[in-house]
Amino acid sequence: MIHTTESMKCEQHNQNIDFVLIDDQFIGEEKLLCQICFKQISGLKKVYRISEAINILQEKKDSEFSEQKTIILDQLHKINNHIDTIVNFQGSLQQLINNILEALQNWKQELENRIYDISQYNFLQELNKLDNQDNTFINNQKIFEFIEIKRLQYSEKIKNNIQNLQVLATRNQGLCQLLDITHIQKIISIKLNQTVFQQDKVLSLAFNYNDSMIASSCNKEIKLQKFQDGKIGDVIDTLNEHTQIIYTIIFSKSKNWLFSAGKDQSIILWKPVRLLFNFTITNKQQYYNAHKDSILQLVLNQKENQLISCSSDCKISIWTVNYKQNSIQYQYSLERHTGPVISVCLNQSNNLLVSSGLDKQIIIWSQKNDQEWIFKQVIDKSTNDFGFRISFISDQQIVWQSFKRGLTHIFQEDNGIFKEITEQRLQLAMNAQNDGDYSFPSIFDTKKQILIQKYHQHIYFLNLNSQNKLNVQQEQIVLNDEQSYGNLSNCGKYLAIWCNQKFSIYEIDYVWSLKPPQ
């Protein structure tokens, strides 16, 4: 115990502490009572004598210490075994490498010795061959024969040692077990916190930067509501400037600044001047005809100085952003798709952009040193299908879900080119139903390494393990309609879903297991 109770005194009465008050309304030293404090508290109260509280806490901490110590000692034992394994592996590895080096050095030495030998000759012996024109050809043949003999001699030794290296590296059980101990399994637990009636269909949800507010697009208006302790509260404000359905809304990650767009082809920037107990929008900028058709998604880059929009007009538009002026400025468009562009996503480094469209194309765009985005590649995929949901799960990995068959495809960058890893493809659903509504995005939480993926009427949770492979968790959310929308809070703790005229708020807990997956 770090603090000793003998030195503790009641701050108000400077008396020894005799009791501990059991009441969640009080914390820390507020729970400590002297005799005078005890008498001053009216009504029923639950208390422990200080000696009882000390004994209860000590027993509790002793039990926790014993349990946690056992967990740590088990890991220490495994680590010590792996240290021994790696030391032995290092010795075997070094011996094989030494054998290869020795063979190469000896081979080299014999060739160098031969160079010295052919540089020396006996004058009297060579006089007899002075007029022999074939002698040079014969000597060259002897050199070729010598080189071939040595190549066969030493290459066999090198080949044997390389094969032993391959066996050592790929079949070493100790190394395979070491991969297991580096894997800490993440188990997801989901609890329904709240349901709230919301009759109008919601096509987009967004949490503000500190998760104190949630915005939802309901037809052609935006509702701003309080969000606290995992629950939706009162409506703060309603924004009514759009003339048609709103498809996408996003908040800044650092300030209360909202962007919206939709079927009316306009982008609106909403900037509050005052945000205390009341939320009042006093500064608004609207950009008409931002696209020639419906705007389906907006994305802000990490620096929040660039906005990316994609549209049914087959274009991706790039805009510069200015917070102080609450403005955006059109820069240029990316035109490679031949059908509506449904989804765009930036990688974590913000130097790659992926887009997916109804033309069944998945396109990679690249950017260097904040210069213009340029076309990089069209990804080859195993299925001739389009998909609504796409996301980077690392700088080098992309997840894309096809519309049919419930298949989630993985694409990995290899030498600058993204290729499908067919053996990592996931079958989320075994039925033949189509995916359904396009608006629910793929959500990847980079901090928790969790992917939330909707398919038809199910919400799946997948965690990215230490081998950069996705594992489907047992926990899932079953909806009663395929038309739904959801988003994750910035803290990663709450998932808000609208479906069938109601909001559902789920609390997500992450439980860690040291037992590797079977």
Protein backbone atom coordinates (compact mmCIF):
# COMPACT_ATOMS: atom_id res chain seq x y z
CA MET A 1 0.00 0.00 0.00
CA ILE A 2 1.44 3.34 -1.09
CA HIS A 3 -0.39 5.56 1.40
CA THR A 4 -0.48 4.78 5.14
CA THR A 5 -3.68 5.43 7.08
CA GLU A 6 -1.86 6.35 10.29
CA SER A 7 -0.89 9.72 8.89
CA MET A 8 -4.37 10.49 7.51
CA LYS A 9 -6.34 13.19 9.30
CA CYS A 10 -9.75 14.69 8.71
CA GLU A 11 -9.03 17.98 6.95
CA GLN A 12 -12.06 19.67 8.50
CA HIS A 13 -11.57 18.59 12.14
CA ASN A 14 -7.93 17.44 12.21
CA GLN A 15 -9.04 14.19 13.86
CA ASN A 16 -7.98 10.60 13.19
CA ILE A 17 -9.92 8.75 10.51
CA ASP A 18 -12.26 6.14 12.01
CA PHE A 19 -14.73 5.31 9.24
CA VAL A 20 -15.02 4.88 5.47
CA LEU A 21 -18.30 5.99 3.89
CA ILE A 22 -19.69 3.69 1.19
CA ASP A 23 -21.41 6.12 -1.17
CA ASP A 24 -20.69 6.57 -4.90
CA GLN A 25 -21.43 10.28 -4.62
CA PHE A 26 -18.15 10.73 -2.74
CA ILE A 27 -14.66 9.96 -4.05
CA GLY A 28 -11.21 9.52 -2.50
CA GLU A 29 -10.65 11.46 0.72
CA GLU A 30 -14.30 12.56 0.77
CA LYS A 31 -15.15 9.02 1.91
CA LEU A 32 -12.91 9.29 5.03
CA LEU A 33 -14.73 10.26 8.23
CA CYS A 34 -13.61 11.13 11.71
CA GLN A 35 -15.95 10.69 14.73
CA ILE A 36 -17.28 14.25 14.35
CA CYS A 37 -17.95 13.81 10.59
CA PHE A 38 -19.74 10.53 11.29
CA LYS A 39 -22.10 12.16 13.78
CA GLN A 40 -22.83 15.06 11.44
CA ILE A 41 -24.09 12.84 8.59
CA SER A 42 -27.84 12.44 8.89
CA GLY A 43 -29.98 9.50 7.77
CA LEU A 44 -28.99 5.94 7.04
CA LYS A 45 -25.44 5.43 5.94
CA LYS A 46 -23.24 2.49 5.12
CA VAL A 47 -19.77 2.68 6.60
CA TYR A 48 -16.82 0.47 7.44
CA ARG A 49 -14.47 1.01 10.29
CA ILE A 50 -11.11 2.07 8.87
CA SER A 51 -9.50 -1.19 10.03
CA GLU A 52 -12.22 -3.23 8.27
CA ALA A 53 -11.81 -1.20 5.08
CA ILE A 54 -8.04 -1.73 5.18
CA ASN A 55 -8.45 -5.50 5.60
CA ILE A 56 -11.07 -5.75 2.81
CA LEU A 57 -8.96 -3.71 0.40
CA GLN A 58 -5.81 -5.65 1.30
CA GLU A 59 -7.52 -9.00 0.70
CA LYS A 60 -8.91 -7.72 -2.60
CA LYS A 61 -5.54 -6.37 -3.75
CA ASP A 62 -3.73 -9.55 -2.60
CA SER A 63 -6.16 -11.63 -4.66
CA GLU A 64 -5.74 -9.33 -7.69
CA PHE A 65 -1.96 -9.36 -7.30
CA SER A 66 -1.85 -13.16 -7.13
CA GLU A 67 -4.05 -13.53 -10.22
CA GLN A 68 -2.24 -10.88 -12.25
CA LYS A 69 1.17 -12.15 -11.16
CA THR A 70 0.24 -15.63 -12.39
CA ILE A 71 -0.76 -14.20 -15.79
CA ILE A 72 2.52 -12.27 -16.09
CA LEU A 73 4.67 -15.19 -14.86
CA ASP A 74 3.05 -17.45 -17.45
CA GLN A 75 4.03 -14.98 -20.16
CA LEU A 76 7.54 -14.63 -18.71
CA HIS A 77 7.97 -18.41 -18.78
CA LYS A 78 6.92 -18.52 -22.44
CA ILE A 79 9.20 -15.61 -23.31
CA ASN A 80 12.19 -17.27 -21.59
CA ASN A 81 11.53 -20.44 -23.57
CA HIS A 82 11.39 -18.42 -26.77
CA ILE A 83 14.62 -16.64 -25.89
CA ASP A 84 16.30 -20.06 -25.59
CA THR A 85 14.72 -21.10 -28.91
CA ILE A 86 15.93 -17.97 -30.69
CA VAL A 87 19.45 -18.31 -29.23
CA ASN A 88 19.61 -21.89 -30.51
CA PHE A 89 18.13 -20.80 -33.83
CA GLN A 90 20.73 -18.05 -34.03
CA GLY A 91 23.53 -20.58 -33.50
CA SER A 92 22.20 -22.95 -36.17
CA LEU A 93 21.55 -20.06 -38.53
CA GLN A 94 25.03 -18.65 -38.01
CA GLN A 95 26.63 -22.05 -38.65
CA LEU A 96 24.80 -22.45 -41.98
CA ILE A 97 25.70 -18.90 -43.00
CA ASN A 98 29.33 -19.56 -42.05
CA ASN A 99 29.28 -22.72 -44.19
CA ILE A 100 28.00 -20.74 -47.18
CA LEU A 101 30.57 -17.97 -46.63
CA GLU A 102 33.37 -20.53 -46.28
CA ALA A 103 32.36 -22.22 -49.56
CA LEU A 104 32.23 -18.86 -51.35
CA GLN A 105 35.60 -17.77 -49.93
CA ASN A 106 37.27 -21.06 -50.92
CA TRP A 107 35.72 -20.87 -54.38
CA LYS A 108 36.96 -17.31 -54.74
CA GLN A 109 40.45 -18.28 -53.54
CA GLU A 110 40.78 -21.13 -56.04
CA LEU A 111 39.79 -18.83 -58.91
CA GLU A 112 42.25 -16.17 -57.77
CA ASN A 113 44.98 -18.82 -57.46
CA ARG A 114 44.26 -19.95 -61.00
CA ILE A 115 44.70 -16.38 -62.26
CA TYR A 116 48.12 -16.34 -60.63
CA ASP A 117 49.00 -19.76 -62.10
CA ILE A 118 48.16 -18.75 -65.68
CA SER A 119 50.17 -15.54 -65.31
CA GLN A 120 53.36 -17.64 -64.83
CA TYR A 121 55.02 -19.74 -67.54
CA ASN A 122 58.33 -21.49 -68.35
CA PHE A 123 60.06 -19.82 -71.29
CA LEU A 124 61.83 -22.97 -72.55
CA GLN A 125 58.63 -25.03 -72.39
CA GLU A 126 56.62 -22.43 -74.23
CA LEU A 127 59.27 -22.21 -77.03
CA ASN A 128 58.12 -25.61 -78.24
CA LYS A 129 54.59 -24.22 -78.69
CA LEU A 130 55.63 -21.02 -80.37
CA ASP A 131 54.22 -21.96 -83.80
CA ASN A 132 51.23 -23.92 -82.41
CA GLN A 133 48.11 -21.78 -83.16
CA ASP A 134 45.76 -24.22 -81.43
CA ASN A 135 47.46 -23.94 -78.07
CA THR A 136 45.51 -20.82 -76.99
CA PHE A 137 42.21 -22.50 -77.78
CA ILE A 138 43.21 -25.60 -75.79
CA ASN A 139 44.26 -23.49 -72.81
CA ASN A 140 40.98 -21.57 -72.88
CA GLN A 141 39.07 -24.85 -72.92
CA LYS A 142 41.00 -25.98 -69.87
CA ILE A 143 39.97 -22.76 -68.06
CA PHE A 144 36.30 -23.34 -68.91
CA GLU A 145 36.58 -26.93 -67.67
CA PHE A 146 38.26 -25.75 -64.46
CA ILE A 147 35.53 -23.16 -63.83
CA GLU A 148 32.78 -25.73 -64.41
CA ILE A 149 34.40 -28.27 -62.06
CA LYS A 150 34.68 -25.67 -59.29
CA ARG A 151 31.16 -24.40 -59.91
CA LEU A 152 29.76 -27.90 -59.48
CA GLN A 153 31.95 -28.54 -56.44
CA TYR A 154 31.04 -25.41 -54.49
CA SER A 155 27.50 -24.84 -55.74
CA GLU A 156 26.52 -28.22 -54.33
CA LYS A 157 27.83 -27.21 -50.91
CA ILE A 158 26.08 -23.84 -51.09
CA LYS A 159 22.83 -25.38 -52.32
CA ASN A 160 22.76 -27.89 -49.45
CA ASN A 161 23.28 -25.17 -46.87
CA ILE A 162 20.63 -22.88 -48.43
CA GLN A 163 18.13 -25.74 -48.38
CA ASN A 164 18.95 -26.31 -44.73
CA LEU A 165 18.41 -22.58 -44.13
CA GLN A 166 14.98 -22.76 -45.73
CA VAL A 167 14.02 -25.77 -43.65
CA LEU A 168 15.31 -24.09 -40.51
CA ALA A 169 13.31 -20.91 -41.14
CA THR A 170 10.02 -22.44 -42.35
CA ARG A 171 9.73 -25.58 -40.25
CA ASN A 172 11.11 -24.34 -36.97
CA GLN A 173 8.36 -25.02 -34.41
CA GLY A 174 9.85 -22.51 -31.99
CA LEU A 175 9.40 -19.67 -34.51
CA CYS A 176 5.82 -20.74 -35.22
CA GLN A 177 5.07 -20.73 -31.50
CA LEU A 178 6.66 -17.30 -31.21
CA LEU A 179 4.09 -15.98 -33.69
CA ASP A 180 1.39 -17.22 -31.33
CA ILE A 181 2.78 -15.48 -28.25
CA THR A 182 2.97 -12.16 -30.10
CA HIS A 183 -0.74 -12.40 -30.86
CA ILE A 184 -3.08 -10.92 -28.28
CA GLN A 185 -6.62 -11.77 -29.23
CA LYS A 186 -9.17 -8.96 -29.21
CA ILE A 187 -12.70 -10.00 -28.29
CA ILE A 188 -15.60 -7.62 -28.84
CA SER A 189 -18.56 -7.32 -26.51
CA ILE A 190 -21.63 -5.34 -27.63
CA LYS A 191 -24.38 -3.92 -25.42
CA LEU A 192 -27.49 -2.00 -26.52
CA ASN A 193 -27.52 1.29 -24.63
CA GLN A 194 -30.52 3.11 -26.04
CA THR A 195 -33.23 3.14 -28.70
CA VAL A 196 -34.80 6.43 -29.86
CA PHE A 197 -37.73 6.82 -32.26
CA GLN A 198 -36.77 8.59 -35.51
CA GLN A 199 -39.42 8.29 -38.21
CA ASP A 200 -37.62 9.99 -41.10
CA LYS A 201 -35.10 7.91 -42.98
CA VAL A 202 -31.48 8.70 -42.05
CA LEU A 203 -28.87 8.46 -44.80
CA SER A 204 -25.88 9.84 -42.89
CA LEU A 205 -24.65 10.17 -39.30
CA ALA A 206 -21.67 12.04 -37.88
CA PHE A 207 -20.21 12.66 -34.42
CA ASN A 208 -18.55 15.98 -33.67
CA TYR A 209 -14.88 16.07 -32.66
CA ASN A 210 -15.41 15.39 -28.93
CA ASP A 211 -18.47 13.12 -29.26
CA SER A 212 -20.73 15.59 -27.45
CA MET A 213 -23.05 15.97 -30.41
CA ILE A 214 -24.45 13.79 -33.18
CA ALA A 215 -25.72 15.03 -36.54
CA SER A 216 -28.13 13.06 -38.72
CA SER A 217 -29.47 13.78 -42.20
CA CYS A 218 -33.24 13.26 -42.33
CA ASN A 219 -34.47 13.76 -45.88
CA LYS A 220 -33.47 17.38 -46.64
CA GLU A 221 -32.73 18.59 -43.09
CA ILE A 222 -29.97 17.99 -40.56
CA LYS A 223 -30.78 17.37 -36.91
CA LEU A 224 -28.15 18.24 -34.30
CA GLN A 225 -28.62 16.44 -30.99
CA LYS A 226 -26.73 16.22 -27.73
CA PHE A 227 -24.78 13.02 -27.12
CA GLN A 228 -23.62 12.10 -23.63
CA ASP A 229 -22.72 8.87 -21.83
CA GLY A 230 -23.64 6.82 -24.87
CA LYS A 231 -27.12 8.29 -25.24
CA ILE A 232 -28.79 10.69 -27.70
CA GLY A 233 -30.28 13.74 -26.00
CA ASP A 234 -32.37 16.77 -26.94
CA VAL A 235 -32.35 18.38 -30.38
CA ILE A 236 -29.98 21.38 -30.34
CA ASP A 237 -30.75 22.75 -33.78
CA THR A 238 -32.24 21.82 -37.15
CA LEU A 239 -30.55 22.93 -40.39
CA ASN A 240 -32.89 23.39 -43.36
CA GLU A 241 -30.93 24.91 -46.25
CA HIS A 242 -30.76 21.89 -48.57
CA THR A 243 -33.61 21.62 -51.09
CA GLN A 244 -33.39 17.83 -51.65
CA ILE A 245 -32.24 14.67 -49.86
CA ILE A 246 -28.93 14.92 -48.00
CA TYR A 247 -26.67 11.91 -48.65
CA THR A 248 -23.53 12.79 -46.72
CA ILE A 249 -22.47 14.83 -43.67
CA ILE A 250 -19.08 15.00 -41.97
CA PHE A 251 -17.67 16.84 -38.98
CA SER A 252 -14.18 18.25 -38.60
CA LYS A 253 -12.05 16.11 -36.25
CA SER A 254 -10.73 19.15 -34.37
CA LYS A 255 -13.58 21.69 -34.19
CA ASN A 256 -17.35 22.01 -34.49
CA TRP A 257 -17.46 22.48 -38.24
CA LEU A 258 -19.94 20.57 -40.39
CA PHE A 259 -20.04 19.78 -44.13
CA SER A 260 -23.10 18.45 -45.96
CA ALA A 261 -24.07 17.53 -49.53
CA GLY A 262 -26.69 15.57 -51.43
CA LYS A 263 -29.13 15.35 -54.27
CA ASP A 264 -29.39 19.14 -54.80
CA GLN A 265 -25.74 19.03 -56.04
CA SER A 266 -24.63 21.62 -53.48
CA ILE A 267 -22.09 21.53 -50.64
CA ILE A 268 -22.87 23.52 -47.47
CA LEU A 269 -20.37 24.46 -44.75
CA TRP A 270 -21.92 25.06 -41.31
CA LYS A 271 -19.81 26.95 -38.79
CA PRO A 272 -21.05 27.82 -35.28
CA VAL A 273 -19.82 30.97 -33.61
CA ARG A 274 -21.15 30.03 -30.16
CA LEU A 275 -21.38 26.53 -28.69
CA LEU A 276 -22.12 26.41 -24.96
CA PHE A 277 -25.46 25.18 -23.71
CA ASN A 278 -27.09 26.25 -26.96
CA PHE A 279 -25.87 25.50 -30.48
CA THR A 280 -26.51 28.32 -32.94
CA ILE A 281 -25.40 28.29 -36.57
CA THR A 282 -24.55 31.87 -37.47
CA ASN A 283 -22.16 31.30 -40.35
CA LYS A 284 -23.10 29.25 -43.42
CA GLN A 285 -21.63 28.98 -46.92
CA GLN A 286 -23.38 27.14 -49.74
CA TYR A 287 -21.74 26.08 -53.02
CA TYR A 288 -24.35 25.45 -55.70
CA ASN A 289 -23.74 23.10 -58.64
CA ALA A 290 -20.65 21.61 -56.99
CA HIS A 291 -21.36 18.58 -59.20
CA LYS A 292 -23.71 17.91 -62.11
CA ASP A 293 -25.53 15.14 -60.25
CA SER A 294 -26.09 13.89 -56.68
CA ILE A 295 -23.11 14.16 -54.32
CA LEU A 296 -22.78 10.81 -52.55
CA GLN A 297 -19.82 11.23 -50.20
CA LEU A 298 -17.54 13.86 -48.66
CA VAL A 299 -14.11 13.17 -47.15
CA LEU A 300 -11.75 15.56 -45.33
CA ASN A 301 -8.02 14.91 -45.35
CA GLN A 302 -6.06 14.73 -42.09
CA LYS A 303 -4.79 18.31 -42.30
CA GLU A 304 -8.36 19.43 -43.03
CA ASN A 305 -7.15 21.70 -45.81
CA GLN A 306 -8.63 19.55 -48.58
CA LEU A 307 -12.16 18.24 -49.19
CA ILE A 308 -12.88 15.36 -51.58
CA SER A 309 -16.36 14.81 -53.03
CA CYS A 310 -17.65 12.00 -55.24
CA SER A 311 -20.81 12.04 -57.30
CA SER A 312 -23.23 10.26 -59.57
CA ASP A 313 -21.77 12.45 -62.35
CA CYS A 314 -18.83 9.95 -62.42
CA LYS A 315 -16.37 12.54 -61.06
CA ILE A 316 -14.28 13.02 -57.94
CA SER A 317 -13.74 16.70 -57.14
CA ILE A 318 -10.91 18.19 -55.09
CA TRP A 319 -11.48 21.35 -53.03
CA THR A 320 -9.18 23.47 -50.88
CA VAL A 321 -10.60 24.31 -47.45
CA ASN A 322 -10.30 27.48 -45.36
CA TYR A 323 -11.74 27.36 -41.83
CA LYS A 324 -11.27 31.04 -40.99
CA GLN A 325 -13.24 32.09 -44.06
CA ASN A 326 -15.57 29.05 -43.80
CA SER A 327 -14.98 28.43 -47.48
CA ILE A 328 -13.98 25.84 -50.05
CA GLN A 329 -12.43 26.48 -53.47
CA TYR A 330 -12.77 24.07 -56.40
CA GLN A 331 -9.39 22.89 -57.71
CA TYR A 332 -9.86 20.06 -60.22
CA SER A 333 -11.65 16.76 -60.86
CA LEU A 334 -10.48 13.17 -61.22
CA GLU A 335 -12.21 11.63 -64.24
CA ARG A 336 -11.59 7.95 -64.81
CA HIS A 337 -14.84 6.32 -63.72
CA THR A 338 -17.56 5.69 -66.29
CA GLY A 339 -20.38 5.29 -63.75
CA PRO A 340 -21.46 6.92 -60.47
CA VAL A 341 -18.65 7.03 -57.88
CA ILE A 342 -20.18 5.59 -54.71
CA SER A 343 -17.34 5.62 -52.22
CA VAL A 344 -13.90 7.16 -51.67
CA CYS A 345 -11.41 6.59 -48.85
CA LEU A 346 -7.97 7.93 -47.89
CA ASN A 347 -5.23 5.78 -46.42
CA GLN A 348 -3.74 6.65 -43.02
CA SER A 349 -0.80 8.53 -44.57
CA ASN A 350 -3.20 10.49 -46.82
CA ASN A 351 -1.03 9.83 -49.89
CA LEU A 352 -3.35 7.27 -51.51
CA LEU A 353 -7.03 7.55 -52.40
CA VAL A 354 -9.23 4.63 -53.42
CA SER A 355 -12.56 5.02 -55.24
CA SER A 356 -15.29 2.52 -56.05
CA GLY A 357 -18.06 2.99 -58.59
CA LEU A 358 -21.08 1.42 -60.23
CA ASP A 359 -18.86 0.91 -63.29
CA LYS A 360 -17.35 -1.99 -61.29
CA GLN A 361 -13.99 -0.23 -61.16
CA ILE A 362 -11.77 0.17 -58.09
CA ILE A 363 -9.25 2.93 -58.80
CA ILE A 364 -6.17 4.00 -56.87
CA TRP A 365 -5.04 7.63 -56.98
CA SER A 366 -1.74 8.86 -55.54
CA GLN A 367 -0.39 12.16 -54.27
CA LYS A 368 3.17 13.22 -53.46
CA ASN A 369 4.16 16.19 -51.29
CA ASP A 370 0.67 17.75 -51.34
CA GLN A 371 0.73 17.98 -55.13
CA GLU A 372 -2.21 17.10 -57.37
CA TRP A 373 -3.82 13.66 -57.16
CA ILE A 374 -2.93 11.50 -60.16
CA PHE A 375 -4.22 8.19 -61.49
CA LYS A 376 -2.19 5.20 -60.27
CA GLN A 377 -4.03 1.98 -61.23
CA VAL A 378 -7.28 0.13 -61.75
CA ILE A 379 -7.27 -2.87 -59.40
CA ASP A 380 -7.77 -6.29 -61.00
CA LYS A 381 -10.32 -8.27 -59.00
CA SER A 382 -11.63 -11.81 -59.17
CA THR A 383 -15.31 -10.89 -59.41
CA ASN A 384 -17.08 -8.82 -62.05
CA ASP A 385 -19.22 -6.92 -59.60
CA PHE A 386 -19.58 -3.49 -58.00
CA GLY A 387 -19.57 -2.79 -54.28
CA PHE A 388 -20.84 -0.09 -51.96
CA ARG A 389 -18.26 -0.40 -49.18
CA ILE A 390 -14.50 0.13 -49.39
CA SER A 391 -11.86 1.12 -46.85
CA PHE A 392 -8.14 1.17 -46.21
CA ILE A 393 -7.23 -0.92 -43.15
CA SER A 394 -3.57 0.05 -43.44
CA ASP A 395 -1.46 2.05 -45.86
CA GLN A 396 -0.94 -1.11 -47.91
CA GLN A 397 -4.27 -2.96 -47.48
CA ILE A 398 -7.77 -2.30 -48.82
CA VAL A 399 -11.04 -4.03 -47.94
CA TRP A 400 -13.80 -4.04 -50.55
CA GLN A 401 -17.18 -5.72 -50.31
CA SER A 402 -18.92 -6.94 -53.44
CA PHE A 403 -22.66 -6.43 -53.86
CA LYS A 404 -23.38 -10.12 -54.33
CA ARG A 405 -22.63 -13.27 -52.30
CA GLY A 406 -21.44 -11.54 -49.11
CA LEU A 407 -17.79 -11.60 -50.12
CA THR A 408 -15.22 -9.26 -48.56
CA HIS A 409 -12.10 -8.95 -50.72
CA ILE A 410 -8.60 -8.00 -49.53
CA PHE A 411 -6.14 -6.10 -51.73
CA GLN A 412 -2.47 -5.80 -50.74
CA GLU A 413 0.15 -3.45 -52.18
CA ASP A 414 3.07 -5.32 -53.72
CA ASN A 415 5.89 -3.31 -55.33
CA GLY A 416 3.61 -0.31 -55.66
CA ILE A 417 0.70 -2.26 -57.21
CA PHE A 418 -2.41 -3.39 -55.34
CA LYS A 419 -3.24 -7.06 -55.93
CA GLU A 420 -6.06 -9.21 -54.61
CA ILE A 421 -5.11 -11.78 -51.94
CA THR A 422 -7.69 -14.40 -52.84
CA GLU A 423 -6.77 -16.74 -49.97
CA GLN A 424 -7.73 -14.00 -47.47
CA ARG A 425 -11.16 -13.41 -48.99
CA LEU A 426 -13.93 -13.59 -46.38
CA GLN A 427 -17.44 -14.97 -46.78
CA LEU A 428 -19.53 -12.94 -44.32
CA ALA A 429 -22.87 -14.49 -45.25
CA MET A 430 -23.65 -17.90 -46.69
CA ASN A 431 -26.90 -16.87 -48.40
CA ALA A 432 -27.28 -15.51 -51.91
CA GLN A 433 -28.93 -12.24 -50.90
CA ASN A 434 -27.58 -9.00 -52.29
CA ASP A 435 -25.93 -6.43 -50.06
CA GLY A 436 -28.77 -3.89 -50.03
CA ASP A 437 -28.55 -0.21 -49.16
CA TYR A 438 -25.34 1.56 -50.20
CA SER A 439 -25.25 4.29 -47.58
CA PHE A 440 -23.82 2.35 -44.60
CA PRO A 441 -20.01 2.78 -44.95
CA SER A 442 -17.15 0.45 -44.09
CA ILE A 443 -15.83 1.76 -40.77
CA PHE A 444 -12.23 1.05 -39.74
CA ASP A 445 -11.05 2.20 -36.31
CA THR A 446 -7.27 2.61 -36.65
CA LYS A 447 -6.71 2.83 -32.88
CA LYS A 448 -8.67 -0.31 -32.05
CA GLN A 449 -7.80 -2.06 -35.36
CA ILE A 450 -11.45 -3.00 -35.77
CA LEU A 451 -13.42 -3.09 -39.03
CA ILE A 452 -17.21 -2.71 -38.89
CA GLN A 453 -18.78 -4.11 -42.03
CA LYS A 454 -22.47 -4.22 -42.99
CA TYR A 455 -23.87 -6.89 -45.26
CA HIS A 456 -27.61 -7.05 -45.97
CA GLN A 457 -29.25 -7.09 -42.50
CA HIS A 458 -26.13 -7.90 -40.46
CA ILE A 459 -23.38 -5.77 -38.92
CA TYR A 460 -20.12 -7.71 -38.61
CA PHE A 461 -17.07 -6.90 -36.50
CA LEU A 462 -13.61 -7.93 -37.71
CA ASN A 463 -10.32 -7.35 -35.93
CA LEU A 464 -6.96 -6.97 -37.68
CA ASN A 465 -4.49 -9.30 -35.96
CA SER A 466 -0.72 -9.10 -35.60
CA GLN A 467 -0.28 -10.93 -38.93
CA ASN A 468 -2.39 -8.23 -40.68
CA LYS A 469 -5.25 -10.66 -41.27
CA LEU A 470 -8.90 -9.97 -40.53
CA ASN A 471 -10.75 -12.26 -38.12
CA VAL A 472 -14.55 -12.24 -38.02
CA GLN A 473 -15.79 -11.88 -34.44
CA GLN A 474 -18.67 -13.96 -33.10
CA GLU A 475 -20.52 -10.84 -31.97
CA GLN A 476 -22.76 -9.29 -34.63
CA ILE A 477 -25.80 -7.06 -34.82
CA VAL A 478 -28.86 -8.35 -36.67
CA LEU A 479 -31.16 -5.69 -38.11
CA ASN A 480 -34.77 -6.14 -39.21
CA ASP A 481 -34.29 -4.20 -42.44
CA GLU A 482 -31.49 -3.90 -44.99
CA GLN A 483 -32.07 -0.12 -45.24
CA SER A 484 -29.86 1.30 -42.47
CA TYR A 485 -27.07 3.72 -41.69
CA GLY A 486 -24.46 3.77 -38.93
CA ASN A 487 -21.31 5.45 -37.70
CA LEU A 488 -18.77 5.04 -34.92
CA SER A 489 -17.96 7.67 -32.31
CA ASN A 490 -14.46 9.14 -32.44
CA CYS A 491 -13.55 7.40 -29.17
CA GLY A 492 -14.51 4.06 -30.75
CA LYS A 493 -16.83 3.18 -27.87
CA TYR A 494 -20.29 3.84 -29.35
CA LEU A 495 -21.89 2.68 -32.58
CA ALA A 496 -25.01 4.61 -33.66
CA ILE A 497 -27.33 2.87 -36.12
CA TRP A 498 -30.56 4.07 -37.70
CA CYS A 499 -32.86 1.32 -38.96
CA ASN A 500 -36.62 0.93 -39.27
CA GLN A 501 -37.60 4.32 -37.80
CA LYS A 502 -35.36 4.26 -34.75
CA PHE A 503 -31.85 5.01 -33.55
CA SER A 504 -29.99 2.27 -31.67
CA ILE A 505 -26.87 3.13 -29.68
CA TYR A 506 -24.53 0.23 -28.95
CA GLU A 507 -21.65 0.30 -26.50
CA ILE A 508 -18.58 -1.64 -27.65
CA ASP A 509 -16.15 -3.13 -25.14
CA TYR A 510 -12.81 -4.60 -26.14
CA VAL A 511 -11.65 -7.55 -24.05
CA TRP A 512 -8.07 -8.76 -24.41
CA SER A 513 -7.17 -12.46 -24.34
CA LEU A 514 -3.62 -13.79 -24.12
CA LYS A 515 -4.73 -17.15 -25.50
CA PRO A 516 -3.88 -17.35 -29.21
CA PRO A 517 -6.69 -18.28 -31.60
CA GLN A 518 -7.02 -21.93 -32.58
